[in-house]
PDB file of N, CA and C in Angstrom:
ATOM      1  N   MET A   1      -8.775 -19.210 -10.878  1.00  0.00           N
ATOM      2  CA  MET A   1      -9.547 -18.329 -10.034  1.00  0.00           C
ATOM      3  C   MET A   1     -11.027 -18.551 -10.342  1.00  0.00           C
ATOM      4  N   ALA A   2     -11.836 -18.593  -9.321  1.00  0.00           N
ATOM      5  CA  ALA A   2     -13.278 -18.790  -9.489  1.00  0.00           C
ATOM      6  C   ALA A   2     -13.939 -17.500  -9.946  1.00  0.00           C
ATOM      7  N   GLN A   3     -15.068 -17.642 -10.587  1.00  0.00           N
ATOM      8  CA  GLN A   3     -15.840 -16.472 -11.007  1.00  0.00           C
ATOM      9  C   GLN A   3     -17.138 -16.414 -10.236  1.00  0.00           C
ATOM     10  N   MET A   4     -17.634 -15.178 -10.054  1.00  0.00           N
ATOM     11  CA  MET A   4     -18.905 -14.961  -9.376  1.00  0.00           C
ATOM     12  C   MET A   4     -19.614 -13.818 -10.083  1.00  0.00           C
ATOM     13  N   ASN A   5     -20.847 -14.015 -10.380  1.00  0.00           N
ATOM     14  CA  ASN A   5     -21.653 -12.953 -10.966  1.00  0.00           C
ATOM     15  C   ASN A   5     -22.572 -12.388  -9.891  1.00  0.00           C
ATOM     16  N   ILE A   6     -22.627 -11.065  -9.801  1.00  0.00           N
ATOM     17  CA  ILE A   6     -23.499 -10.430  -8.822  1.00  0.00           C
ATOM     18  C   ILE A   6     -24.382  -9.412  -9.523  1.00  0.00           C
ATOM     19  N   SER A   7     -25.505  -9.124  -8.922  1.00  0.00           N
ATOM     20  CA  SER A   7     -26.390  -8.073  -9.419  1.00  0.00           C
ATOM     21  C   SER A   7     -26.368  -6.933  -8.415  1.00  0.00           C
ATOM     22  N   ILE A   8     -26.124  -5.726  -8.910  1.00  0.00           N
ATOM     23  CA  ILE A   8     -26.111  -4.544  -8.058  1.00  0.00           C
ATOM     24  C   ILE A   8     -26.900  -3.440  -8.746  1.00  0.00           C
ATOM     25  N   THR A   9     -27.279  -2.448  -7.979  1.00  0.00           N
ATOM     26  CA  THR A   9     -28.027  -1.328  -8.552  1.00  0.00           C
ATOM     27  C   THR A   9     -27.109  -0.510  -9.462  1.00  0.00           C
ATOM     28  N   ASP A  10     -27.717   0.276 -10.325  1.00  0.00           N
ATOM     29  CA  ASP A  10     -26.940   1.147 -11.208  1.00  0.00           C
ATOM     30  C   ASP A  10     -26.081   2.113 -10.393  1.00  0.00           C
ATOM     31  N   GLN A  11     -26.623   2.584  -9.286  1.00  0.00           N
ATOM     32  CA  GLN A  11     -25.885   3.508  -8.428  1.00  0.00           C
ATOM     33  C   GLN A  11     -24.626   2.851  -7.864  1.00  0.00           C
ATOM     34  N   LEU A  12     -24.737   1.608  -7.392  1.00  0.00           N
ATOM     35  CA  LEU A  12     -23.566   0.907  -6.868  1.00  0.00           C
ATOM     36  C   LEU A  12     -22.554   0.605  -7.972  1.00  0.00           C
ATOM     37  N   LYS A  13     -23.045   0.277  -9.142  1.00  0.00           N
ATOM     38  CA  LYS A  13     -22.163   0.028 -10.281  1.00  0.00           C
ATOM     39  C   LYS A  13     -21.382   1.289 -10.626  1.00  0.00           C
ATOM     40  N   SER A  14     -22.072   2.413 -10.657  1.00  0.00           N
ATOM     41  CA  SER A  14     -21.405   3.689 -10.944  1.00  0.00           C
ATOM     42  C   SER A  14     -20.358   4.007  -9.881  1.00  0.00           C
ATOM     43  N   TRP A  15     -20.693   3.729  -8.632  1.00  0.00           N
ATOM     44  CA  TRP A  15     -19.741   3.979  -7.547  1.00  0.00           C
ATOM     45  C   TRP A  15     -18.475   3.143  -7.742  1.00  0.00           C
ATOM     46  N   ALA A  16     -18.652   1.853  -7.998  1.00  0.00           N
ATOM     47  CA  ALA A  16     -17.506   0.964  -8.199  1.00  0.00           C
ATOM     48  C   ALA A  16     -16.666   1.432  -9.385  1.00  0.00           C
ATOM     49  N   GLU A  17     -17.308   1.822 -10.451  1.00  0.00           N
ATOM     50  CA  GLU A  17     -16.592   2.292 -11.632  1.00  0.00           C
ATOM     51  C   GLU A  17     -15.842   3.598 -11.346  1.00  0.00           C
ATOM     52  N   SER A  18     -16.415   4.443 -10.513  1.00  0.00           N
ATOM     53  CA  SER A  18     -15.731   5.695 -10.172  1.00  0.00           C
ATOM     54  C   SER A  18     -14.486   5.415  -9.332  1.00  0.00           C
ATOM     55  N   ARG A  19     -14.538   4.397  -8.479  1.00  0.00           N
ATOM     56  CA  ARG A  19     -13.365   4.021  -7.681  1.00  0.00           C
ATOM     57  C   ARG A  19     -12.245   3.519  -8.593  1.00  0.00           C
ATOM     58  N   VAL A  20     -12.614   2.784  -9.626  1.00  0.00           N
ATOM     59  CA  VAL A  20     -11.631   2.303 -10.599  1.00  0.00           C
ATOM     60  C   VAL A  20     -11.052   3.489 -11.367  1.00  0.00           C
ATOM     61  N   ALA A  21     -11.917   4.416 -11.757  1.00  0.00           N
ATOM     62  CA  ALA A  21     -11.479   5.585 -12.521  1.00  0.00           C
ATOM     63  C   ALA A  21     -10.502   6.455 -11.728  1.00  0.00           C
ATOM     64  N   GLU A  22     -10.587   6.423 -10.410  1.00  0.00           N
ATOM     65  CA  GLU A  22      -9.660   7.173  -9.567  1.00  0.00           C
ATOM     66  C   GLU A  22      -8.243   6.611  -9.649  1.00  0.00           C
ATOM     67  N   GLY A  23      -8.112   5.388 -10.126  1.00  0.00           N
ATOM     68  CA  GLY A  23      -6.805   4.785 -10.323  1.00  0.00           C
ATOM     69  C   GLY A  23      -6.318   3.875  -9.218  1.00  0.00           C
ATOM     70  N   ARG A  24      -7.089   3.739  -8.184  1.00  0.00           N
ATOM     71  CA  ARG A  24      -6.649   2.887  -7.076  1.00  0.00           C
ATOM     72  C   ARG A  24      -6.825   1.399  -7.406  1.00  0.00           C
ATOM     73  N   TYR A  25      -7.773   1.092  -8.251  1.00  0.00           N
ATOM     74  CA  TYR A  25      -8.070  -0.286  -8.634  1.00  0.00           C
ATOM     75  C   TYR A  25      -7.940  -0.427 -10.138  1.00  0.00           C
ATOM     76  N   SER A  26      -7.530  -1.617 -10.562  1.00  0.00           N
ATOM     77  CA  SER A  26      -7.353  -1.844 -11.998  1.00  0.00           C
ATOM     78  C   SER A  26      -8.660  -2.208 -12.697  1.00  0.00           C
ATOM     79  N   SER A  27      -9.635  -2.666 -11.937  1.00  0.00           N
ATOM     80  CA  SER A  27     -10.922  -3.070 -12.513  1.00  0.00           C
ATOM     81  C   SER A  27     -11.970  -3.127 -11.409  1.00  0.00           C
ATOM     82  N   THR A  28     -13.225  -3.236 -11.812  1.00  0.00           N
ATOM     83  CA  THR A  28     -14.275  -3.387 -10.803  1.00  0.00           C
ATOM     84  C   THR A  28     -14.117  -4.723 -10.067  1.00  0.00           C
ATOM     85  N   SER A  29     -13.597  -5.729 -10.747  1.00  0.00           N
ATOM     86  CA  SER A  29     -13.338  -7.012 -10.076  1.00  0.00           C
ATOM     87  C   SER A  29     -12.287  -6.840  -8.992  1.00  0.00           C
ATOM     88  N   ASP A  30     -11.247  -6.072  -9.292  1.00  0.00           N
ATOM     89  CA  ASP A  30     -10.205  -5.793  -8.310  1.00  0.00           C
ATOM     90  C   ASP A  30     -10.801  -5.068  -7.104  1.00  0.00           C
ATOM     91  N   TYR A  31     -11.668  -4.112  -7.366  1.00  0.00           N
ATOM     92  CA  TYR A  31     -12.339  -3.368  -6.298  1.00  0.00           C
ATOM     93  C   TYR A  31     -13.183  -4.304  -5.436  1.00  0.00           C
ATOM     94  N   MET A  32     -13.943  -5.174  -6.057  1.00  0.00           N
ATOM     95  CA  MET A  32     -14.797  -6.098  -5.309  1.00  0.00           C
ATOM     96  C   MET A  32     -13.961  -7.081  -4.485  1.00  0.00           C
ATOM     97  N   ARG A  33     -12.857  -7.573  -5.062  1.00  0.00           N
ATOM     98  CA  ARG A  33     -11.985  -8.474  -4.301  1.00  0.00           C
ATOM     99  C   ARG A  33     -11.451  -7.777  -3.059  1.00  0.00           C
ATOM    100  N   ASP A  34     -11.073  -6.506  -3.208  1.00  0.00           N
ATOM    101  CA  ASP A  34     -10.577  -5.741  -2.062  1.00  0.00           C
ATOM    102  C   ASP A  34     -11.658  -5.591  -0.993  1.00  0.00           C
ATOM    103  N   LEU A  35     -12.883  -5.315  -1.396  1.00  0.00           N
ATOM    104  CA  LEU A  35     -13.978  -5.193  -0.430  1.00  0.00           C
ATOM    105  C   LEU A  35     -14.194  -6.494   0.328  1.00  0.00           C
ATOM    106  N   VAL A  36     -14.170  -7.604  -0.387  1.00  0.00           N
ATOM    107  CA  VAL A  36     -14.385  -8.901   0.259  1.00  0.00           C
ATOM    108  C   VAL A  36     -13.230  -9.211   1.208  1.00  0.00           C
ATOM    109  N   ARG A  37     -11.988  -8.945   0.785  1.00  0.00           N
ATOM    110  CA  ARG A  37     -10.829  -9.167   1.659  1.00  0.00           C
ATOM    111  C   ARG A  37     -10.931  -8.331   2.928  1.00  0.00           C
ATOM    112  N   ARG A  38     -11.280  -7.064   2.779  1.00  0.00           N
ATOM    113  CA  ARG A  38     -11.406  -6.193   3.953  1.00  0.00           C
ATOM    114  C   ARG A  38     -12.509  -6.672   4.882  1.00  0.00           C
ATOM    115  N   ASP A  39     -13.602  -7.114   4.322  1.00  0.00           N
ATOM    116  CA  ASP A  39     -14.700  -7.633   5.141  1.00  0.00           C
ATOM    117  C   ASP A  39     -14.253  -8.886   5.884  1.00  0.00           C
ATOM    118  N   GLN A  40     -13.514  -9.748   5.207  1.00  0.00           N
ATOM    119  CA  GLN A  40     -13.010 -10.970   5.838  1.00  0.00           C
ATOM    120  C   GLN A  40     -12.055 -10.622   6.982  1.00  0.00           C
ATOM    121  N   GLU A  41     -11.143  -9.683   6.747  1.00  0.00           N
ATOM    122  CA  GLU A  41     -10.211  -9.268   7.794  1.00  0.00           C
ATOM    123  C   GLU A  41     -10.949  -8.666   8.985  1.00  0.00           C
ATOM    124  N   GLU A  42     -11.948  -7.855   8.717  1.00  0.00           N
ATOM    125  CA  GLU A  42     -12.731  -7.241   9.802  1.00  0.00           C
ATOM    126  C   GLU A  42     -13.472  -8.309  10.601  1.00  0.00           C
ATOM    127  N   ALA A  43     -14.032  -9.297   9.915  1.00  0.00           N
ATOM    128  CA  ALA A  43     -14.740 -10.383  10.612  1.00  0.00           C
ATOM    129  C   ALA A  43     -13.775 -11.162  11.500  1.00  0.00           C
ATOM    130  N   GLU A  44     -12.544 -11.387  11.012  1.00  0.00           N
ATOM    131  CA  GLU A  44     -11.547 -12.097  11.810  1.00  0.00           C
ATOM    132  C   GLU A  44     -11.146 -11.279  13.035  1.00  0.00           C
ATOM    133  N   ARG A  45     -10.953  -9.958  12.861  1.00  0.00           N
ATOM    134  CA  ARG A  45     -10.622  -9.095  14.010  1.00  0.00           C
ATOM    135  C   ARG A  45     -11.756  -9.090  15.029  1.00  0.00           C
ATOM    136  N   LEU A  46     -12.980  -9.035  14.548  1.00  0.00           N
ATOM    137  CA  LEU A  46     -14.132  -9.038  15.451  1.00  0.00           C
ATOM    138  C   LEU A  46     -14.227 -10.354  16.208  1.00  0.00           C
ATOM    139  N   GLN A  47     -13.944 -11.453  15.541  1.00  0.00           N
ATOM    140  CA  GLN A  47     -13.964 -12.756  16.198  1.00  0.00           C
ATOM    141  C   GLN A  47     -12.914 -12.822  17.301  1.00  0.00           C
ATOM    142  N   LEU A  48     -11.707 -12.310  17.022  1.00  0.00           N
ATOM    143  CA  LEU A  48     -10.654 -12.282  18.044  1.00  0.00           C
ATOM    144  C   LEU A  48     -11.047 -11.393  19.217  1.00  0.00           C
ATOM    145  N   LEU A  49     -11.627 -10.242  18.923  1.00  0.00           N
ATOM    146  CA  LEU A  49     -12.065  -9.331  19.982  1.00  0.00           C
ATOM    147  C   LEU A  49     -13.120  -9.983  20.862  1.00  0.00           C
ATOM    148  N   ARG A  50     -14.078 -10.647  20.235  1.00  0.00           N
ATOM    149  CA  ARG A  50     -15.120 -11.336  21.013  1.00  0.00           C
ATOM    150  C   ARG A  50     -14.523 -12.422  21.893  1.00  0.00           C
ATOM    151  N   ALA A  51     -13.528 -13.143  21.377  1.00  0.00           N
ATOM    152  CA  ALA A  51     -12.877 -14.188  22.169  1.00  0.00           C
ATOM    153  C   ALA A  51     -12.159 -13.576  23.374  1.00  0.00           C
ATOM    154  N   GLU A  52     -11.506 -12.436  23.167  1.00  0.00           N
ATOM    155  CA  GLU A  52     -10.818 -11.769  24.283  1.00  0.00           C
ATOM    156  C   GLU A  52     -11.813 -11.238  25.308  1.00  0.00           C
ATOM    157  N   ILE A  53     -12.939 -10.737  24.846  1.00  0.00           N
ATOM    158  CA  ILE A  53     -13.983 -10.276  25.769  1.00  0.00           C
ATOM    159  C   ILE A  53     -14.496 -11.451  26.600  1.00  0.00           C
ATOM    160  N   GLU A  54     -14.718 -12.583  25.952  1.00  0.00           N
ATOM    161  CA  GLU A  54     -15.183 -13.772  26.673  1.00  0.00           C
ATOM    162  C   GLU A  54     -14.150 -14.216  27.706  1.00  0.00           C
ATOM    163  N   LYS A  55     -12.857 -14.161  27.331  1.00  0.00           N
ATOM    164  CA  LYS A  55     -11.802 -14.510  28.298  1.00  0.00           C
ATOM    165  C   LYS A  55     -11.858 -13.566  29.487  1.00  0.00           C
ATOM    166  N   GLY A  56     -12.040 -12.291  29.226  1.00  0.00           N
ATOM    167  CA  GLY A  56     -12.110 -11.313  30.306  1.00  0.00           C
ATOM    168  C   GLY A  56     -13.302 -11.540  31.211  1.00  0.00           C
ATOM    169  N   LEU A  57     -14.432 -11.824  30.614  1.00  0.00           N
ATOM    170  CA  LEU A  57     -15.638 -12.070  31.408  1.00  0.00           C
ATOM    171  C   LEU A  57     -15.515 -13.335  32.243  1.00  0.00           C
ATOM    172  N   ALA A  58     -14.748 -14.301  31.751  1.00  0.00           N
ATOM    173  CA  ALA A  58     -14.585 -15.564  32.476  1.00  0.00           C
ATOM    174  C   ALA A  58     -13.473 -15.490  33.525  1.00  0.00           C
ATOM    175  N   SER A  59     -12.687 -14.432  33.493  1.00  0.00           N
ATOM    176  CA  SER A  59     -11.576 -14.334  34.442  1.00  0.00           C
ATOM    177  C   SER A  59     -12.085 -13.885  35.812  1.00  0.00           C
ATOM    178  N   PRO A  60     -11.300 -14.186  36.846  1.00  0.00           N
ATOM    179  CA  PRO A  60     -11.740 -13.802  38.198  1.00  0.00           C
ATOM    180  C   PRO A  60     -11.682 -12.285  38.395  1.00  0.00           C
ATOM    181  N   VAL A  61     -12.434 -11.814  39.353  1.00  0.00           N
ATOM    182  CA  VAL A  61     -12.452 -10.395  39.697  1.00  0.00           C
ATOM    183  C   VAL A  61     -11.147 -10.076  40.428  1.00  0.00           C
ATOM    184  N   SER A  62     -10.558  -8.950  40.113  1.00  0.00           N
ATOM    185  CA  SER A  62      -9.276  -8.550  40.706  1.00  0.00           C
ATOM    186  C   SER A  62      -9.483  -7.630  41.902  1.00  0.00           C
ATOM    187  N   ASP A  63      -8.549  -7.700  42.829  1.00  0.00           N
ATOM    188  CA  ASP A  63      -8.548  -6.790  43.975  1.00  0.00           C
ATOM    189  C   ASP A  63      -7.800  -5.499  43.672  1.00  0.00           C
ATOM    190  N   LEU A  64      -7.196  -5.415  42.481  1.00  0.00           N
ATOM    191  CA  LEU A  64      -6.425  -4.229  42.117  1.00  0.00           C
ATOM    192  C   LEU A  64      -7.338  -3.023  41.925  1.00  0.00           C
ATOM    193  N   THR A  65      -6.811  -1.870  42.322  1.00  0.00           N
ATOM    194  CA  THR A  65      -7.543  -0.635  42.055  1.00  0.00           C
ATOM    195  C   THR A  65      -7.216  -0.182  40.639  1.00  0.00           C
ATOM    196  N   LEU A  66      -7.952   0.779  40.147  1.00  0.00           N
ATOM    197  CA  LEU A  66      -7.689   1.314  38.821  1.00  0.00           C
ATOM    198  C   LEU A  66      -6.296   1.942  38.767  1.00  0.00           C
ATOM    199  N   ASP A  67      -5.901   2.604  39.824  1.00  0.00           N
ATOM    200  CA  ASP A  67      -4.552   3.181  39.893  1.00  0.00           C
ATOM    201  C   ASP A  67      -3.479   2.087  39.807  1.00  0.00           C
ATOM    202  N   ASP A  68      -3.714   0.952  40.477  1.00  0.00           N
ATOM    203  CA  ASP A  68      -2.771  -0.166  40.404  1.00  0.00           C
ATOM    204  C   ASP A  68      -2.627  -0.661  38.967  1.00  0.00           C
ATOM    205  N   VAL A  69      -3.738  -0.782  38.287  1.00  0.00           N
ATOM    206  CA  VAL A  69      -3.727  -1.267  36.902  1.00  0.00           C
ATOM    207  C   VAL A  69      -2.963  -0.291  36.018  1.00  0.00           C
ATOM    208  N   PHE A  70      -3.250   0.996  36.155  1.00  0.00           N
ATOM    209  CA  PHE A  70      -2.546   2.000  35.348  1.00  0.00           C
ATOM    210  C   PHE A  70      -1.048   1.971  35.635  1.00  0.00           C
ATOM    211  N   GLU A  71      -0.683   1.814  36.883  1.00  0.00           N
ATOM    212  CA  GLU A  71       0.740   1.776  37.246  1.00  0.00           C
ATOM    213  C   GLU A  71       1.424   0.564  36.608  1.00  0.00           C
ATOM    214  N   ARG A  72       0.766  -0.565  36.613  1.00  0.00           N
ATOM    215  CA  ARG A  72       1.333  -1.764  35.970  1.00  0.00           C
ATOM    216  C   ARG A  72       1.521  -1.549  34.472  1.00  0.00           C
ATOM    217  N   VAL A  73       0.546  -0.922  33.847  1.00  0.00           N
ATOM    218  CA  VAL A  73       0.648  -0.656  32.409  1.00  0.00           C
ATOM    219  C   VAL A  73       1.787   0.318  32.134  1.00  0.00           C
ATOM    220  N   ARG A  74       1.891   1.372  32.911  1.00  0.00           N
ATOM    221  CA  ARG A  74       2.987   2.343  32.751  1.00  0.00           C
ATOM    222  C   ARG A  74       4.342   1.648  32.907  1.00  0.00           C
ATOM    223  N   ALA A  75       4.461   0.833  33.951  1.00  0.00           N
ATOM    224  CA  ALA A  75       5.721   0.144  34.210  1.00  0.00           C
ATOM    225  C   ALA A  75       6.079  -0.797  33.061  1.00  0.00           C
ATOM    226  N   ARG A  76       5.101  -1.472  32.513  1.00  0.00           N
ATOM    227  CA  ARG A  76       5.342  -2.412  31.431  1.00  0.00           C
ATOM    228  C   ARG A  76       5.818  -1.697  30.176  1.00  0.00           C
ATOM    229  N   HIS A  77       5.284  -0.510  29.923  1.00  0.00           N
ATOM    230  CA  HIS A  77       5.629   0.215  28.692  1.00  0.00           C
ATOM    231  C   HIS A  77       6.864   1.088  28.844  1.00  0.00           C
ATOM    232  N   GLN A  78       7.303   1.317  30.057  1.00  0.00           N
ATOM    233  CA  GLN A  78       8.498   2.128  30.272  1.00  0.00           C
ATOM    234  C   GLN A  78       9.759   1.279  30.342  1.00  0.00           C
ATOM    235  N   GLY A  79       9.642   0.066  30.689  1.00  0.00           N
ATOM    236  CA  GLY A  79      10.860  -0.704  30.871  1.00  0.00           C
ATOM    237  C   GLY A  79      10.722  -2.064  30.342  1.00  0.00           C
TER     238      GLY A  79
END
């Protein structure tokens, strides 16, 4: 496993240590790894969302009304 040294304020250090003291994390390193993993997962979700938005923007305009769209969604989830 690689090592990384970071500098943080005393306040942030105290916060990280308090999270460990709560028992959810075994160490401040464990806490930091969790933060980085969550940030990575969030970045991946955001990238997927942006790709879907781009697909939507590139798609043709529909003649369906809002009621038509809702009915299709209802039908899809009911059966």
